[in-house]
């Protein structure tokens, strides 16, 4: 079948020369996220052979690209089958429920990761069985709704037309919510390398989980609640990253770092690449050389759509060539910047589509029930 990219000319090969005598930053790894939607797809839509082939391509050093870092959502994200947290007090569906006034669970007696045990944790373990060196970090898109100003996991209150926040009276419960998440995952045999307080704290979206967190509130929360909780429960091996948003929000990192108590207990900054320029990370590294930088979320938007179209319409040889070429471009970009690691949020979807095509599944599968 003719490729929709037949008009594209092959670029000249790019050579990368590694000079072992020069050392720069350490690279923690390259990875993606086994989101709720991706894990559901893997579990429910692929045969055992398709699943094995997919994971070999993604995580095996011998048969694939050996992804070595996973950023796992704590509860639901924007790539989930439905809304859910680990301590819901109302009935969650594809529409986030609102917890009644006066109802909460400060002691987290109803905390459970039962949802993740269905298919998310088995997929993470499968990845780790192929690459035992995988590092796993965790990030909440939203805490349980009862901790928030709108009592709902959605990031924007569409009724009162305002951004939702974590209520101060639940800072301690929130810190223990993250603590119990770390403990629960580690009890499953999944060490947690790092956590952040909040995904995209300056982008509380109303259609999926989110929450507004001011930079000074994040600094206060980390130094007074999260870090002391990790110390109390002997979990300081788990790093704390700050910010978790775009390059043009470097000021947010600087605000958090300005609090010396917070500065002394955090590992560095988590970045997204949707706005701003990557040199922001170099600037922060220059100002704060003892703190690290991680790119923890990235998607390519229109470029991803092009590659997915290519996966559907191209023959198998050209498909593999295009996938490898795209990955090479990402690696080149990463090595030229001061990134500790790079995560493509929908990379798993992209490569599952590639495997589907390689296995002859010409009709694309849905990625999840809710996506």
Protein backbone atom coordinates (compact mmCIF):
# COMPACT_ATOMS: atom_id res chain seq x y z
CA UNK A 1 0.00 0.00 0.00
CA UNK A 2 1.33 3.44 -0.86
CA UNK A 3 2.44 5.58 2.05
CA UNK A 4 0.85 8.92 2.75
CA UNK A 5 4.44 10.08 3.24
CA UNK A 6 5.63 9.10 -0.23
CA UNK A 7 6.33 12.72 -0.98
CA UNK A 8 8.77 13.02 1.92
CA UNK A 9 12.44 12.75 1.04
CA UNK A 10 14.77 10.71 3.18
CA UNK A 11 16.95 12.94 5.33
CA UNK A 12 20.69 12.40 5.34
CA UNK A 13 21.81 10.00 8.09
CA UNK A 14 22.78 11.66 11.36
CA UNK A 15 25.91 10.51 13.14
CA UNK A 16 26.26 10.77 16.91
CA UNK A 17 29.85 10.71 18.17
CA UNK A 18 30.29 9.81 21.83
CA UNK A 19 33.42 11.21 23.45
CA UNK A 20 33.97 9.10 26.55
CA UNK A 21 36.47 11.62 27.91
CA UNK A 22 33.76 14.26 28.39
CA UNK A 23 31.10 13.77 31.05
CA UNK A 24 27.96 15.83 31.50
CA UNK A 25 24.74 15.14 33.39
CA UNK A 26 23.56 11.67 34.36
CA UNK A 27 20.58 10.34 32.40
CA UNK A 28 18.14 8.49 34.64
CA UNK A 29 16.34 6.94 31.70
CA UNK A 30 13.82 7.29 28.91
CA UNK A 31 10.24 6.22 29.27
CA UNK A 32 6.52 6.69 29.11
CA UNK A 33 3.43 6.02 31.22
CA UNK A 34 1.25 2.96 31.53
CA UNK A 35 -1.87 5.02 32.11
CA UNK A 36 -5.21 3.58 33.11
CA UNK A 37 -6.36 3.75 29.49
CA UNK A 38 -3.21 2.12 28.11
CA UNK A 39 -3.23 -0.61 30.77
CA UNK A 40 -6.90 -1.36 30.05
CA UNK A 41 -6.12 -1.65 26.36
CA UNK A 42 -3.19 -3.97 27.01
CA UNK A 43 -5.23 -6.11 29.38
CA UNK A 44 -8.55 -6.25 27.55
CA UNK A 45 -7.85 -5.83 23.84
CA UNK A 46 -4.62 -7.69 23.10
CA UNK A 47 -4.09 -11.42 22.92
CA UNK A 48 -1.32 -12.88 25.06
CA UNK A 49 0.97 -13.00 22.04
CA UNK A 50 0.19 -9.42 21.05
CA UNK A 51 0.78 -8.27 24.62
CA UNK A 52 4.12 -10.07 24.81
CA UNK A 53 5.21 -8.64 21.46
CA UNK A 54 4.18 -5.13 22.52
CA UNK A 55 6.04 -5.27 25.81
CA UNK A 56 9.10 -6.82 24.18
CA UNK A 57 9.16 -3.89 21.75
CA UNK A 58 8.81 -1.35 24.55
CA UNK A 59 10.82 -2.76 27.44
CA UNK A 60 13.17 -5.53 26.32
CA UNK A 61 16.85 -4.79 25.80
CA UNK A 62 17.19 -7.71 23.39
CA UNK A 63 14.00 -7.24 21.35
CA UNK A 64 13.00 -3.62 21.81
CA UNK A 65 13.90 -0.10 22.90
CA UNK A 66 14.29 -0.86 26.64
CA UNK A 67 12.22 1.96 28.12
CA UNK A 68 13.57 2.51 31.61
CA UNK A 69 11.30 5.06 33.30
CA UNK A 70 7.56 5.06 34.05
CA UNK A 71 5.54 8.04 35.25
CA UNK A 72 2.42 6.57 36.81
CA UNK A 73 -0.69 8.60 37.67
CA UNK A 74 -1.99 8.41 41.24
CA UNK A 75 -5.66 7.79 40.49
CA UNK A 76 -7.19 8.87 37.21
CA UNK A 77 -5.59 11.17 34.65
CA UNK A 78 -6.69 12.63 31.32
CA UNK A 79 -5.98 9.20 29.80
CA UNK A 80 -8.28 7.09 31.97
CA UNK A 81 -11.36 4.95 31.54
CA UNK A 82 -13.16 6.95 34.24
CA UNK A 83 -12.56 9.25 37.19
CA UNK A 84 -11.19 7.52 40.30
CA UNK A 85 -9.00 8.15 43.32
CA UNK A 86 -7.77 5.75 45.99
CA UNK A 87 -10.24 7.09 48.56
CA UNK A 88 -13.51 7.91 46.83
CA UNK A 89 -16.54 8.72 48.97
CA UNK A 90 -19.00 8.97 46.07
CA UNK A 91 -19.70 6.96 42.95
CA UNK A 92 -17.19 7.80 40.20
CA UNK A 93 -17.99 7.32 36.52
CA UNK A 94 -16.80 9.00 33.33
CA UNK A 95 -18.15 12.14 35.03
CA UNK A 96 -16.50 13.08 38.32
CA UNK A 97 -18.81 12.81 41.32
CA UNK A 98 -19.12 15.43 44.07
CA UNK A 99 -18.67 14.31 47.68
CA UNK A 100 -21.47 15.59 49.94
CA UNK A 101 -20.61 18.36 52.38
CA UNK A 102 -19.40 17.14 55.76
CA UNK A 103 -18.21 13.79 54.41
CA UNK A 104 -14.48 13.04 54.51
CA UNK A 105 -11.95 10.38 55.48
CA UNK A 106 -9.03 12.20 57.11
CA UNK A 107 -7.69 8.96 58.56
CA UNK A 108 -7.83 7.34 55.08
CA UNK A 109 -9.62 4.28 56.41
CA UNK A 110 -11.12 3.64 52.97
CA UNK A 111 -7.84 4.00 51.10
CA UNK A 112 -7.31 1.25 48.53
CA UNK A 113 -5.42 0.70 45.27
CA UNK A 114 -7.84 -2.07 44.28
CA UNK A 115 -8.55 -0.35 40.95
CA UNK A 116 -4.87 -0.42 40.00
CA UNK A 117 -4.54 -4.08 40.98
CA UNK A 118 -7.04 -5.01 38.24
CA UNK A 119 -4.78 -4.23 35.29
CA UNK A 120 -2.41 -1.30 35.91
CA UNK A 121 -0.10 -2.95 38.43
CA UNK A 122 0.08 -6.22 36.46
CA UNK A 123 1.21 -4.24 33.40
CA UNK A 124 3.84 -2.33 35.41
CA UNK A 125 5.12 -5.61 36.82
CA UNK A 126 5.24 -7.09 33.33
CA UNK A 127 7.36 -4.16 32.19
CA UNK A 128 9.66 -4.57 35.19
CA UNK A 129 10.05 -8.29 34.48
CA UNK A 130 11.58 -7.34 31.13
CA UNK A 131 13.65 -4.46 32.50
CA UNK A 132 14.23 -4.77 36.27
CA UNK A 133 16.07 -1.44 36.28
CA UNK A 134 12.93 0.57 35.46
CA UNK A 135 12.43 3.58 37.72
CA UNK A 136 8.82 4.44 38.62
CA UNK A 137 7.63 7.88 39.71
CA UNK A 138 4.07 8.79 40.69
CA UNK A 139 2.02 11.94 40.27
CA UNK A 140 -1.61 12.80 41.14
CA UNK A 141 -3.82 14.63 38.66
CA UNK A 142 -6.22 15.19 41.54
CA UNK A 143 -6.55 14.04 45.14
CA UNK A 144 -9.89 12.61 46.31
CA UNK A 145 -12.63 15.19 45.76
CA UNK A 146 -13.44 15.55 49.46
CA UNK A 147 -10.04 17.20 50.03
CA UNK A 148 -10.76 20.01 47.57
CA UNK A 149 -12.67 23.27 47.49
CA UNK A 150 -15.21 21.90 44.99
CA UNK A 151 -15.34 18.42 46.62
CA UNK A 152 -14.84 17.03 43.13
CA UNK A 153 -11.79 15.68 41.26
CA UNK A 154 -12.30 18.03 38.28
CA UNK A 155 -9.74 20.81 38.22
CA UNK A 156 -12.15 23.64 37.41
CA UNK A 157 -15.44 24.26 39.19
CA UNK A 158 -17.86 24.79 36.30
CA UNK A 159 -20.67 25.80 38.68
CA UNK A 160 -18.86 28.52 40.59
CA UNK A 161 -16.46 29.26 37.71
CA UNK A 162 -13.24 29.05 39.69
CA UNK A 163 -10.15 26.88 39.93
CA UNK A 164 -10.19 24.22 42.61
CA UNK A 165 -7.61 24.05 45.40
CA UNK A 166 -6.53 21.69 48.15
CA UNK A 167 -8.15 22.88 51.36
CA UNK A 168 -5.52 23.63 54.06
CA UNK A 169 -7.30 21.39 56.57
CA UNK A 170 -6.52 18.42 54.33
CA UNK A 171 -2.80 19.07 53.75
CA UNK A 172 -1.89 16.39 56.28
CA UNK A 173 -4.40 13.88 54.85
CA UNK A 174 -3.05 14.59 51.37
CA UNK A 175 0.55 13.94 52.45
CA UNK A 176 -0.52 10.65 53.99
CA UNK A 177 -2.49 9.84 50.85
CA UNK A 178 0.76 10.04 48.87
CA UNK A 179 2.58 8.15 51.60
CA UNK A 180 0.05 5.31 51.57
CA UNK A 181 0.26 5.20 47.77
CA UNK A 182 4.03 4.75 47.93
CA UNK A 183 3.68 2.08 50.61
CA UNK A 184 0.95 0.22 48.72
CA UNK A 185 2.91 0.15 45.46
CA UNK A 186 6.11 -0.89 47.20
CA UNK A 187 4.20 -3.69 48.93
CA UNK A 188 3.39 -4.87 45.40
CA UNK A 189 7.11 -5.01 44.62
CA UNK A 190 7.25 -1.68 42.76
CA UNK A 191 9.78 0.74 44.30
CA UNK A 192 8.78 4.38 43.91
CA UNK A 193 11.65 6.53 42.75
CA UNK A 194 9.96 9.92 43.05
CA UNK A 195 6.70 11.80 43.59
CA UNK A 196 5.33 15.23 42.85
CA UNK A 197 2.55 17.00 44.72
CA UNK A 198 0.46 17.84 41.67
CA UNK A 199 0.47 17.40 37.91
CA UNK A 200 0.37 20.77 36.11
CA UNK A 201 -0.47 22.86 39.19
CA UNK A 202 -1.21 25.95 37.09
CA UNK A 203 -3.56 24.17 34.66
CA UNK A 204 -6.64 22.94 36.56
CA UNK A 205 -8.69 21.56 33.66
CA UNK A 206 -12.43 21.06 34.15
CA UNK A 207 -12.84 17.98 31.96
CA UNK A 208 -10.43 15.75 33.90
CA UNK A 209 -8.72 15.64 37.28
CA UNK A 210 -6.74 18.71 38.26
CA UNK A 211 -6.06 21.25 40.96
CA UNK A 212 -4.55 24.73 41.26
CA UNK A 213 -1.54 24.92 43.57
CA UNK A 214 0.29 28.22 44.11
CA UNK A 215 4.08 27.97 44.21
CA UNK A 216 4.27 29.19 47.80
CA UNK A 217 1.55 26.73 48.81
CA UNK A 218 3.54 23.92 47.21
CA UNK A 219 6.65 24.96 49.14
CA UNK A 220 4.69 25.06 52.39
CA UNK A 221 3.07 21.69 51.74
CA UNK A 222 6.37 20.01 50.96
CA UNK A 223 8.32 21.30 53.95
CA UNK A 224 5.55 21.06 56.57
CA UNK A 225 3.60 18.00 55.45
CA UNK A 226 4.97 15.81 52.67
CA UNK A 227 8.63 15.62 53.65
CA UNK A 228 7.98 15.16 57.40
CA UNK A 229 5.52 12.37 56.52
CA UNK A 230 8.09 10.60 54.35
CA UNK A 231 10.64 10.94 57.16
CA UNK A 232 8.21 9.57 59.75
CA UNK A 233 7.50 6.47 57.69
CA UNK A 234 11.08 5.90 56.48
CA UNK A 235 10.29 6.72 52.86
CA UNK A 236 12.96 9.36 52.16
CA UNK A 237 14.46 7.16 49.44
CA UNK A 238 11.56 8.45 47.33
CA UNK A 239 12.60 11.78 45.80
CA UNK A 240 10.38 14.85 45.84
CA UNK A 241 10.22 16.83 42.58
CA UNK A 242 8.70 20.32 42.41
CA UNK A 243 6.66 22.25 39.85
CA UNK A 244 5.61 19.52 37.33
CA UNK A 245 4.68 22.02 34.62
CA UNK A 246 5.96 23.80 31.53
CA UNK A 247 9.29 25.44 30.70
CA UNK A 248 7.79 28.93 30.79
CA UNK A 249 6.92 28.38 34.44
CA UNK A 250 10.52 28.40 35.61
CA UNK A 251 9.49 31.18 37.98
CA UNK A 252 7.38 28.58 39.80
CA UNK A 253 10.47 26.48 40.50
CA UNK A 254 12.34 29.56 41.69
CA UNK A 255 9.50 30.48 44.03
CA UNK A 256 9.56 27.00 45.57
CA UNK A 257 13.36 27.00 45.79
CA UNK A 258 13.28 30.42 47.48
CA UNK A 259 11.97 28.67 50.59
CA UNK A 260 15.24 27.33 52.01
CA UNK A 261 13.60 24.61 54.11
CA UNK A 262 11.86 23.27 51.03
CA UNK A 263 14.96 23.67 48.88
CA UNK A 264 16.94 21.44 51.20
CA UNK A 265 14.53 18.50 50.98
CA UNK A 266 13.64 18.37 47.27
CA UNK A 267 15.60 16.63 44.51
CA UNK A 268 14.84 19.02 41.67
CA UNK A 269 12.25 20.05 39.11
CA UNK A 270 9.76 18.11 36.99
CA UNK A 271 9.15 19.77 33.60
CA UNK A 272 6.64 19.54 30.73
CA UNK A 273 7.42 20.80 27.23
CA UNK A 274 4.10 22.22 25.99
CA UNK A 275 5.17 25.87 26.24
CA UNK A 276 8.35 27.82 26.78
CA UNK A 277 11.83 26.83 25.65
CA UNK A 278 14.09 24.03 26.92
CA UNK A 279 16.87 26.45 27.82
CA UNK A 280 14.79 27.24 30.91
CA UNK A 281 16.14 24.01 32.36
CA UNK A 282 19.72 25.05 31.66
CA UNK A 283 19.07 28.39 33.35
CA UNK A 284 17.66 26.69 36.43
CA UNK A 285 20.55 24.20 36.52
CA UNK A 286 23.05 27.06 36.34
CA UNK A 287 21.35 28.89 39.22
CA UNK A 288 20.78 25.77 41.31
CA UNK A 289 23.55 23.31 40.34
CA UNK A 290 22.79 20.85 43.15
CA UNK A 291 19.23 20.28 41.92
CA UNK A 292 18.33 18.00 39.03
CA UNK A 293 15.90 18.40 36.12
CA UNK A 294 13.53 15.82 34.67
CA UNK A 295 11.25 16.15 31.65
CA UNK A 296 8.30 14.13 32.93
CA UNK A 297 5.63 14.70 30.31
CA UNK A 298 5.74 15.34 26.59
CA UNK A 299 3.44 14.75 23.64
CA UNK A 300 3.88 15.64 20.00
CA UNK A 301 0.27 16.47 19.05
CA UNK A 302 0.10 16.79 15.23
CA UNK A 303 3.31 14.83 14.79
CA UNK A 304 1.77 11.93 16.71
CA UNK A 305 -1.28 11.98 14.44
CA UNK A 306 0.99 11.85 11.40
CA UNK A 307 2.84 8.85 12.77
CA UNK A 308 -0.36 7.03 13.70
CA UNK A 309 -1.67 7.60 10.15
CA UNK A 310 1.61 6.29 8.83
CA UNK A 311 1.31 3.21 11.05
CA UNK A 312 -2.09 2.43 9.57
CA UNK A 313 -1.25 3.09 5.93
CA UNK A 314 2.37 2.03 5.55
CA UNK A 315 3.87 -1.37 4.96
CA UNK A 316 5.66 -3.09 7.83
CA UNK A 317 9.23 -2.34 6.82
CA UNK A 318 8.57 1.37 6.34
CA UNK A 319 6.61 1.43 9.58
CA UNK A 320 9.52 0.13 11.63
CA UNK A 321 11.85 2.54 9.87
CA UNK A 322 9.57 5.49 10.72
CA UNK A 323 9.17 4.45 14.36
CA UNK A 324 12.93 4.07 14.80
CA UNK A 325 13.59 7.35 13.01
CA UNK A 326 11.16 9.21 15.28
CA UNK A 327 12.76 7.69 18.37
CA UNK A 328 16.21 8.70 17.13
CA UNK A 329 15.05 12.29 16.81
CA UNK A 330 13.79 12.26 20.39
CA UNK A 331 17.08 10.81 21.66
CA UNK A 332 19.13 13.38 19.76
CA UNK A 333 17.05 16.20 21.24
CA UNK A 334 17.39 14.79 24.73
CA UNK A 335 21.14 14.32 24.65
CA UNK A 336 21.64 17.88 23.43
CA UNK A 337 19.73 19.29 26.42
CA UNK A 338 20.17 19.01 30.16
CA UNK A 339 17.41 16.49 30.69
CA UNK A 340 17.71 13.84 33.37
CA UNK A 341 15.10 11.76 31.60
CA UNK A 342 12.40 12.14 29.01
CA UNK A 343 8.85 10.81 29.12
CA UNK A 344 6.50 10.78 26.12
CA UNK A 345 3.01 10.68 27.62
CA UNK A 346 1.40 8.85 24.70
CA UNK A 347 4.42 6.86 23.59
CA UNK A 348 2.81 3.63 24.69
CA UNK A 349 -0.23 4.34 22.52
CA UNK A 350 2.01 5.07 19.58
CA UNK A 351 3.95 1.85 19.86
CA UNK A 352 0.90 -0.26 20.57
CA UNK A 353 -0.47 1.08 17.29
CA UNK A 354 2.78 0.03 15.65
CA UNK A 355 2.53 -3.46 17.05
CA UNK A 356 -1.10 -3.71 16.00
CA UNK A 357 -0.06 -2.91 12.47
CA UNK A 358 2.84 -5.35 12.53
CA UNK A 359 0.48 -8.07 13.70
CA UNK A 360 -1.94 -7.36 10.89
CA UNK A 361 -4.64 -5.59 12.90
CA UNK A 362 -5.67 -3.18 10.14
CA UNK A 363 -8.65 -1.86 12.07
CA UNK A 364 -7.26 0.37 14.84
CA UNK A 365 -8.29 -0.59 18.35
CA UNK A 366 -9.80 1.93 20.75
CA UNK A 367 -7.22 2.94 23.28
CA UNK A 368 -9.60 2.79 26.25
CA UNK A 369 -13.26 2.91 27.14
CA UNK A 370 -13.05 6.60 27.97
CA UNK A 371 -10.46 8.08 25.60
